[in-house]
Amino acid sequence: MAELSSETILQIDATIITGILILLTIGRTNTSYEISKWTSSVVLPFVVSAIIELIMSVLIDPPDLMRQFSISFMIIGFGYIGWIVLRLPKIRTV
C-alpha cells in the first residue's frame, strides 16, 4: 500500500477547501442560508487534516499517530461530502 506524503495530503485538502469555497461563491445568489451553512461545514475535516499536516512539518520527529489522524479526518471529510450531497435535496430552503 502506497503511503501518502505530507505534500499529497495538503494538496488534497487545499483542493477540496478551494473547490467548496468556489462553489459557495458561485451559488451564493441561488442558495439559501441553510444550504450554504451545511455545504460550508464540509471543509472542516479537511481544515483539521491540513492543520495536523502543517504541525507535523514543523516537528522534528512527528509521531505516526498524527499522520493516521490526518488521513482519518480526510476519510471523514469524504464521507461527509457524500452524506451532504445525499441530504441537500431534503434541506428546507429559507
N, C-alpha and C. Protein backbone atom coordinates (compact mmCIF):
# COMPACT_ATOMS: atom_id res chain seq x y z
N MET A 1 0.85 -1.18 0.00
CA MET A 1 0.00 0.00 0.00
C MET A 1 0.89 1.24 0.00
N ALA A 2 0.62 2.13 -0.92
CA ALA A 2 1.40 3.35 -1.03
C ALA A 2 1.06 4.30 0.12
N GLU A 3 2.07 4.96 0.64
CA GLU A 3 1.86 5.88 1.74
C GLU A 3 1.70 7.30 1.19
N LEU A 4 0.78 8.05 1.75
CA LEU A 4 0.56 9.42 1.33
C LEU A 4 1.59 10.34 1.97
N SER A 5 2.20 11.20 1.17
CA SER A 5 3.16 12.15 1.71
C SER A 5 2.42 13.37 2.25
N SER A 6 3.11 14.18 3.03
CA SER A 6 2.50 15.39 3.57
C SER A 6 2.06 16.32 2.45
N GLU A 7 2.88 16.40 1.41
CA GLU A 7 2.54 17.28 0.28
C GLU A 7 1.25 16.83 -0.40
N THR A 8 1.11 15.52 -0.58
CA THR A 8 -0.10 14.99 -1.22
C THR A 8 -1.34 15.27 -0.37
N ILE A 9 -1.23 15.06 0.91
CA ILE A 9 -2.36 15.30 1.81
C ILE A 9 -2.73 16.78 1.80
N LEU A 10 -1.73 17.66 1.85
CA LEU A 10 -2.01 19.09 1.82
C LEU A 10 -2.64 19.52 0.49
N GLN A 11 -2.20 18.91 -0.61
CA GLN A 11 -2.79 19.23 -1.90
C GLN A 11 -4.25 18.79 -1.98
N ILE A 12 -4.53 17.61 -1.47
CA ILE A 12 -5.92 17.12 -1.46
C ILE A 12 -6.79 18.04 -0.61
N ASP A 13 -6.30 18.37 0.60
CA ASP A 13 -7.06 19.25 1.49
C ASP A 13 -7.30 20.61 0.85
N ALA A 14 -6.25 21.19 0.27
CA ALA A 14 -6.39 22.52 -0.35
C ALA A 14 -7.33 22.48 -1.53
N THR A 15 -7.30 21.42 -2.32
CA THR A 15 -8.18 21.31 -3.48
C THR A 15 -9.64 21.24 -3.05
N ILE A 16 -9.94 20.44 -2.05
CA ILE A 16 -11.32 20.31 -1.56
C ILE A 16 -11.80 21.63 -0.97
N ILE A 17 -10.97 22.24 -0.12
CA ILE A 17 -11.36 23.50 0.52
C ILE A 17 -11.62 24.58 -0.54
N THR A 18 -10.70 24.71 -1.49
CA THR A 18 -10.86 25.72 -2.54
C THR A 18 -12.10 25.45 -3.38
N GLY A 19 -12.31 24.20 -3.76
CA GLY A 19 -13.48 23.84 -4.57
C GLY A 19 -14.78 24.17 -3.88
N ILE A 20 -14.89 23.82 -2.60
CA ILE A 20 -16.12 24.10 -1.86
C ILE A 20 -16.35 25.60 -1.75
N LEU A 21 -15.29 26.35 -1.46
CA LEU A 21 -15.45 27.80 -1.33
C LEU A 21 -15.82 28.45 -2.66
N ILE A 22 -15.26 27.96 -3.76
CA ILE A 22 -15.64 28.49 -5.08
C ILE A 22 -17.10 28.17 -5.38
N LEU A 23 -17.52 26.94 -5.10
CA LEU A 23 -18.92 26.58 -5.34
C LEU A 23 -19.87 27.41 -4.49
N LEU A 24 -19.48 27.70 -3.25
CA LEU A 24 -20.32 28.54 -2.40
C LEU A 24 -20.40 29.95 -2.93
N THR A 25 -19.29 30.45 -3.47
CA THR A 25 -19.28 31.81 -4.02
C THR A 25 -20.13 31.89 -5.27
N ILE A 26 -20.01 30.92 -6.15
CA ILE A 26 -20.78 30.92 -7.39
C ILE A 26 -22.27 30.74 -7.10
N GLY A 27 -22.60 29.85 -6.21
CA GLY A 27 -24.00 29.55 -5.93
C GLY A 27 -24.62 30.42 -4.87
N ARG A 28 -23.91 31.41 -4.39
CA ARG A 28 -24.40 32.24 -3.29
C ARG A 28 -25.72 32.92 -3.60
N THR A 29 -25.94 33.33 -4.83
CA THR A 29 -27.16 34.06 -5.14
C THR A 29 -28.37 33.13 -5.26
N ASN A 30 -28.15 31.86 -5.54
CA ASN A 30 -29.27 30.95 -5.77
C ASN A 30 -29.55 29.99 -4.62
N THR A 31 -28.74 30.02 -3.58
CA THR A 31 -28.91 29.05 -2.50
C THR A 31 -29.37 29.75 -1.22
N SER A 32 -30.03 28.99 -0.40
CA SER A 32 -30.49 29.53 0.88
C SER A 32 -29.35 29.50 1.89
N TYR A 33 -29.57 30.20 2.98
CA TYR A 33 -28.58 30.23 4.06
C TYR A 33 -28.35 28.83 4.63
N GLU A 34 -29.42 28.08 4.77
CA GLU A 34 -29.33 26.73 5.36
C GLU A 34 -28.46 25.82 4.50
N ILE A 35 -28.64 25.85 3.20
CA ILE A 35 -27.83 25.03 2.30
C ILE A 35 -26.38 25.48 2.33
N SER A 36 -26.14 26.80 2.34
CA SER A 36 -24.77 27.33 2.41
C SER A 36 -24.09 26.91 3.70
N LYS A 37 -24.84 26.93 4.80
CA LYS A 37 -24.27 26.54 6.10
C LYS A 37 -23.85 25.07 6.09
N TRP A 38 -24.70 24.20 5.59
CA TRP A 38 -24.37 22.78 5.55
C TRP A 38 -23.21 22.51 4.60
N THR A 39 -23.20 23.18 3.46
CA THR A 39 -22.15 22.97 2.48
C THR A 39 -20.81 23.48 2.99
N SER A 40 -20.81 24.63 3.64
CA SER A 40 -19.55 25.17 4.14
C SER A 40 -18.97 24.33 5.28
N SER A 41 -19.81 23.60 5.98
CA SER A 41 -19.30 22.76 7.07
C SER A 41 -18.48 21.57 6.55
N VAL A 42 -18.59 21.31 5.25
CA VAL A 42 -17.83 20.20 4.65
C VAL A 42 -16.32 20.44 4.74
N VAL A 43 -15.90 21.70 4.75
CA VAL A 43 -14.47 21.98 4.74
C VAL A 43 -13.80 21.70 6.09
N LEU A 44 -14.55 21.62 7.17
CA LEU A 44 -13.95 21.47 8.50
C LEU A 44 -13.02 20.26 8.65
N PRO A 45 -13.42 19.05 8.26
CA PRO A 45 -12.49 17.93 8.41
C PRO A 45 -11.20 18.11 7.60
N PHE A 46 -11.32 18.74 6.44
CA PHE A 46 -10.14 18.95 5.60
C PHE A 46 -9.23 20.03 6.19
N VAL A 47 -9.82 21.03 6.84
CA VAL A 47 -9.03 22.05 7.52
C VAL A 47 -8.25 21.43 8.68
N VAL A 48 -8.91 20.59 9.46
CA VAL A 48 -8.24 19.91 10.58
C VAL A 48 -7.10 19.04 10.06
N SER A 49 -7.35 18.30 8.99
CA SER A 49 -6.32 17.46 8.39
C SER A 49 -5.12 18.29 7.94
N ALA A 50 -5.37 19.43 7.31
CA ALA A 50 -4.29 20.30 6.84
C ALA A 50 -3.51 20.88 8.01
N ILE A 51 -4.21 21.28 9.08
CA ILE A 51 -3.52 21.82 10.25
C ILE A 51 -2.63 20.77 10.88
N ILE A 52 -3.11 19.54 10.99
CA ILE A 52 -2.29 18.46 11.54
C ILE A 52 -1.04 18.27 10.69
N GLU A 53 -1.19 18.28 9.37
CA GLU A 53 -0.03 18.11 8.48
C GLU A 53 0.96 19.27 8.61
N LEU A 54 0.45 20.48 8.75
CA LEU A 54 1.35 21.63 8.93
C LEU A 54 2.09 21.55 10.25
N ILE A 55 1.43 21.11 11.29
CA ILE A 55 2.11 20.93 12.59
C ILE A 55 3.17 19.85 12.47
N MET A 56 2.85 18.77 11.74
CA MET A 56 3.83 17.69 11.56
C MET A 56 5.06 18.17 10.81
N SER A 57 4.90 19.13 9.89
CA SER A 57 6.04 19.61 9.12
C SER A 57 6.99 20.43 9.99
N VAL A 58 6.51 20.96 11.10
CA VAL A 58 7.35 21.74 12.00
C VAL A 58 8.08 20.83 13.00
N LEU A 59 7.46 19.74 13.39
CA LEU A 59 8.06 18.84 14.37
C LEU A 59 9.23 18.08 13.78
N ILE A 60 10.24 17.83 14.59
CA ILE A 60 11.43 17.12 14.13
C ILE A 60 11.11 15.64 13.90
N ASP A 61 10.47 15.02 14.85
CA ASP A 61 10.14 13.61 14.72
C ASP A 61 8.66 13.40 15.06
N PRO A 62 7.76 13.71 14.09
CA PRO A 62 6.33 13.60 14.41
C PRO A 62 5.90 12.15 14.59
N PRO A 63 5.00 11.91 15.53
CA PRO A 63 4.52 10.53 15.74
C PRO A 63 3.65 10.07 14.57
N ASP A 64 3.67 8.77 14.32
CA ASP A 64 2.86 8.19 13.24
C ASP A 64 1.37 8.37 13.50
N LEU A 65 1.01 8.49 14.77
CA LEU A 65 -0.39 8.65 15.12
C LEU A 65 -0.97 9.94 14.52
N MET A 66 -0.15 10.98 14.43
CA MET A 66 -0.62 12.24 13.84
C MET A 66 -0.96 12.04 12.37
N ARG A 67 -0.15 11.28 11.65
CA ARG A 67 -0.43 11.02 10.23
C ARG A 67 -1.73 10.23 10.10
N GLN A 68 -1.95 9.28 11.01
CA GLN A 68 -3.18 8.49 10.97
C GLN A 68 -4.40 9.38 11.24
N PHE A 69 -4.26 10.33 12.19
CA PHE A 69 -5.34 11.27 12.45
C PHE A 69 -5.63 12.13 11.23
N SER A 70 -4.58 12.60 10.58
CA SER A 70 -4.74 13.45 9.41
C SER A 70 -5.49 12.71 8.30
N ILE A 71 -5.08 11.49 8.03
CA ILE A 71 -5.74 10.69 6.99
C ILE A 71 -7.17 10.35 7.42
N SER A 72 -7.37 10.09 8.70
CA SER A 72 -8.71 9.79 9.20
C SER A 72 -9.66 10.97 9.00
N PHE A 73 -9.17 12.19 9.24
CA PHE A 73 -10.02 13.36 9.02
C PHE A 73 -10.34 13.53 7.54
N MET A 74 -9.40 13.19 6.66
CA MET A 74 -9.69 13.23 5.23
C MET A 74 -10.79 12.24 4.86
N ILE A 75 -10.69 11.02 5.39
CA ILE A 75 -11.70 10.00 5.11
C ILE A 75 -13.07 10.44 5.64
N ILE A 76 -13.08 11.00 6.86
CA ILE A 76 -14.32 11.52 7.42
C ILE A 76 -14.88 12.61 6.52
N GLY A 77 -14.01 13.48 6.03
CA GLY A 77 -14.44 14.56 5.14
C GLY A 77 -15.07 14.05 3.86
N PHE A 78 -14.46 13.04 3.25
CA PHE A 78 -15.03 12.49 2.02
C PHE A 78 -16.38 11.82 2.29
N GLY A 79 -16.49 11.13 3.42
CA GLY A 79 -17.77 10.55 3.79
C GLY A 79 -18.83 11.61 4.06
N TYR A 80 -18.41 12.69 4.67
CA TYR A 80 -19.31 13.80 4.97
C TYR A 80 -19.79 14.47 3.69
N ILE A 81 -18.90 14.60 2.70
CA ILE A 81 -19.31 15.16 1.40
C ILE A 81 -20.42 14.30 0.80
N GLY A 82 -20.24 12.99 0.83
CA GLY A 82 -21.27 12.10 0.30
C GLY A 82 -22.57 12.23 1.05
N TRP A 83 -22.50 12.33 2.37
CA TRP A 83 -23.70 12.45 3.19
C TRP A 83 -24.42 13.76 2.89
N ILE A 84 -23.66 14.85 2.76
CA ILE A 84 -24.25 16.16 2.47
C ILE A 84 -24.91 16.16 1.09
N VAL A 85 -24.23 15.58 0.11
CA VAL A 85 -24.80 15.53 -1.24
C VAL A 85 -26.13 14.78 -1.24
N LEU A 86 -26.21 13.70 -0.49
CA LEU A 86 -27.46 12.94 -0.40
C LEU A 86 -28.53 13.69 0.39
N ARG A 87 -28.11 14.51 1.33
CA ARG A 87 -29.04 15.21 2.21
C ARG A 87 -29.51 16.55 1.63
N LEU A 88 -28.76 17.16 0.73
CA LEU A 88 -29.11 18.50 0.22
C LEU A 88 -30.53 18.63 -0.31
N PRO A 89 -31.03 17.66 -1.06
CA PRO A 89 -32.42 17.82 -1.55
C PRO A 89 -33.46 17.87 -0.43
N LYS A 90 -33.12 17.36 0.75
CA LYS A 90 -34.08 17.31 1.85
C LYS A 90 -34.01 18.54 2.76
N ILE A 91 -32.97 19.37 2.57
CA ILE A 91 -32.82 20.55 3.42
C ILE A 91 -33.85 21.59 3.01
N ARG A 92 -34.54 22.12 3.99
CA ARG A 92 -35.55 23.15 3.71
C ARG A 92 -34.87 24.45 3.33
N THR A 93 -35.35 25.09 2.33
CA THR A 93 -34.81 26.38 1.95
C THR A 93 -35.56 27.47 2.71
N VAL A 94 -34.84 28.49 3.11
CA VAL A 94 -35.44 29.57 3.89
C VAL A 94 -35.66 30.77 3.02
